[in-house]
Amino acid sequence: MSSPHVRHARSTELSWWRRTLSLVGDLRPLDPMRSIKMKLIVIIAATVAMYTLVTWAGIRFGFGVLNTFPFALGASLILTQILARGMTRPLREMTAAARSMARGDYSTRVHTNSQDEVGELAAAFNSMAQDLDTLDAQRREMVANVSHELRTPVAALRAQLENMADGVVEPDPDALEGALTQIERLSRLITYLLDLSRLEAGAASLALTEFEVQEFLDDVATQARHAAAGFDRDLRWEVSTLPPDLHLTADEERLRQVISNLLGNASRHSPRGGTVSLRGRYSATTDEVVIEVLDEGQGIPVSDREKVFERFERGNAPAQRGGLSTGGTGLGLAIARWAVSLHGGMIAVADPPGGTGAMLRVTLPARGPAEGRAHPTAPGT
């Protein structure tokens, strides 16, 4: 058996070789070069130069060509390994990362300082991995949110029906109205999810028609007023259009869904006796129709103005402070943004006049999206 001193010496020697190989493996002298072609030229030139130098040295000191050949070849291969390792290591890391992604792990990243095409590929790969990681997290969050949103009305509906079945509550109009409210909430959520699925799959299409904006807004506001009657807040409603004969080419039903959602949000967040304003106007400089919904609620903080358009994100200040939930699903504004985008328009949270309340602004091409202008009509005709 080997003595402890011999084992220690062997262990020290092995550790030294490992450190040396690690240092050699980390050497990437060609990383600053921005072209892989130039790197290959440098490797070939360096290999030939090394072989020539070792062969010349062997002949110079009398070893002969045959005796020098193995040393020259070995030195050339070692130099090639040192120079080429930095070129191929990112590719090996990408292969390992791709296999990890196939197993559902999107956290692996490729580490490289290379400036050539392989470095650009590694940077693109890391960006893709980050996007996939984000999408996977959003998918898991969405599944959890959908499960919660579906469970809430189902649980409430089950409790109400069980109470009626057990005779605890009489099936009077109030009890049936409560059950119907939960069914409507469940139906609305399912409809939102189906719409969102169709929109993201690119299966949504537009049925473009020309209609009068004032008449359209009056109709949508009337429906929203009836829907808001259940909130018992005695809201006032204002509808205006400039010019009064303004026309718009759009998908009337999809736009109705957008404006109805905005009015529903405004009525839920408005204080008792507050005013909900619905305004339409024409922008001659951009040939666009602008529709604005304004309420007198607590408003939307500047930091949350983009977040409210994300799925299952609620601009629900009372609920966040421990008050009552406003009952939104967190999908309406996400679908509204998709629907407005289909029209080639924009939807955003704008600064309300006077600095109080919240104002949502929808901007649409007056003559419809560019690809749908088969029969363009100017506003006001």
Foldseek 3Di string as FASTA:
>chain_A
DDDPVVVVVVVVVVVVVVVVVVVLLPQAPQQVDAAVVVLVVVLVVVLVVQLVVQQVVCVVVPVDNVSSNVVSNVVSVSSSCSHCSLVCVQVVQLVVCVVVVVVVDLPRARDHSHNYPSVVVRVVSNVVSVVVVVVVVVVVVVVVLVVVQLVVLVVVLVVLVVCCVVVVDPPDPVSVVVNVVSVVLNVVVVVLVVLVVCLVVVNDDWDKDKDFPQVLVVVLVVVLVVVLVVVVQQEAEAEEEVPNRWMAITRSVLVSLLVNLLSLVQSLQAHRHWYWYWYWYADPVQQKIKIKIWTQGAEADPVCFVVLLDAQDDSFVQVVVVHDGSSDSSRSSVSSQSRLVSQVWGKTWDQDVPRGTTMIMIIGNRQTHPVPNPDGDRTPD
